[in-house]
Amino acid sequence: MGAPRCGAPVADRPSVGAVLRRFLPEFTGLYPQSPHTLHVLDQLSHCHTGRVGWSLWQCALCRSSHWRPLGCGDRHCPDCQGQRREQWLEAQRESLLPVRYYHWVFTLPSILRPLVLQNQALLYRLLFDAASATLLQFGRERLGVELGVTALLHTWGQNLMDHPHVHCLVTGGGLQTAPDGSHRWVGPAQSRYLFPVKAVAAMFAGKFIDGLQQLRHHGKLTFEGTLAGWKGDPAWRAMIATLRSRNWIVFGKGSVTGPESVLEYLGRYTHRVAIANSRITSMTDRTVSFRYKDYRDGSTLKTMTLSGVEFLHRLSLHVLPEGFTKIRHYGLLGNNRRKRMLPLAREALKDSRWHVAIAPVEPHPVRHVEEDIACPRCGAAELQCIGRLDAQGRFTPLAEGARRARIQLGEPPAIGDTS
């Protein structure tokens, strides 16, 4: 039985999945990849093709049932992050405090990018550690408080080249503990400014360089290809001297207030992937074209055309190490402290001049239906998933109507059948 129209993929419209289906064999022949990276790219190529399996949906209005190919669910997939982002953001509501938040961005110098690609897990972790430790130290030294920090890793630039940086959303002030054990909230003197950017950048650079030196001293860094010379002390010292002489790029982007504004801000960066399908404009037998912002030309929107193999080469740079956590919390928001510290912070904020009055906001219901699903019979958007067919052909009913719907539809589509 062929798959019905409900949710069936459009035949290789320009998308990350379509590019992978077209160019992945050629790419892997020219650029050998680790088993983990190959697995991720293979997963993305099968998203919504039927190879992963099928879901059975029932319309709440006309009660008709329809099959839809499953997504791959991979965190690198542009098709599968929307609902996951909404669920994560909804969970963050409980951790938001009634204060201003400040957005900081910490970027690594370009000279380090080849080294990062050879040591991703180690140096991404060091990037998180150096940025968060810098902010927390400024909070303790300038304000005498423990801040709350949420940090998110991005590894790409608009042109899909490697550009590792972390976005940090920081509480406007923090919790101060007196010798008698009491707590009060202390924030910045004025709302537009948290810490001096140049001083933050200098401390961040120092912490990252110190961490880098320690990793090399203990023999934990890999130096291959063009970086083989960095194994020698003279070349390494010259590179470190270059790093110390440069101004490191750190942005302090001002403040946002209110749960909706903070969540909207977080939503721009959490669960984002290297490139969205909407940016891919066309694909030929040899090339892929996509839109990008040229920040060196006043953020002008332009189109870049690459060979399909080069596009996948750039995409592969952003496959994170297996199990690597790309969203992390520190200070008041640390996973091992949040439950204990947040009630103290809320209590301290009640009589604080840094408290921001916020009207109660009803939680947004988390959607369990993708935006593009519509009943092919009546056009209604209220569909419920009542069963799933996995990649091995096993069917799992999720609602009472699943058995009856299967009888009405006949046998489910074959795994991999998207005709």
Foldseek 3Di string as FASTA:
>chain_A
DFFDPFAFDDPLDQFLLSLCVQCVVVLCVVPPDDPVLVVVSVLQVCAFLLLFFWFKKAFPPPRAIGITRHGSCDLQHLVNQPLVLLVVLLVCLVQDAQFKKWKKKFWDDPVCVVQCLQVVQLLLVLQVVLLVVLVQVCLCPVWVFWKKKKKFWDQAAQVLAGIIMIMIIIGQFHWHADPVGAIATTGDPDQFDHDDFQVSQLSSLVSSLVSVVVCVVVPNTDADDPRPVCNDPVVVVVVSVVSNPDRGDMDIDTIDGESVRVSVVVSVGPSDHSDHSVQWDDDDSFKTKGWGFDVVVVRDIDIDIDTSSVVVVSRSSGDHPPPRDRIAMDTCCHPVRVVPRSVSHNVNLPPDPRRHDYDDDDRDDRDPFDPPGADPVPRHRDMDGQWIQGSVRDIDGRDPCPVVSCVVVDHDDHRSRSD
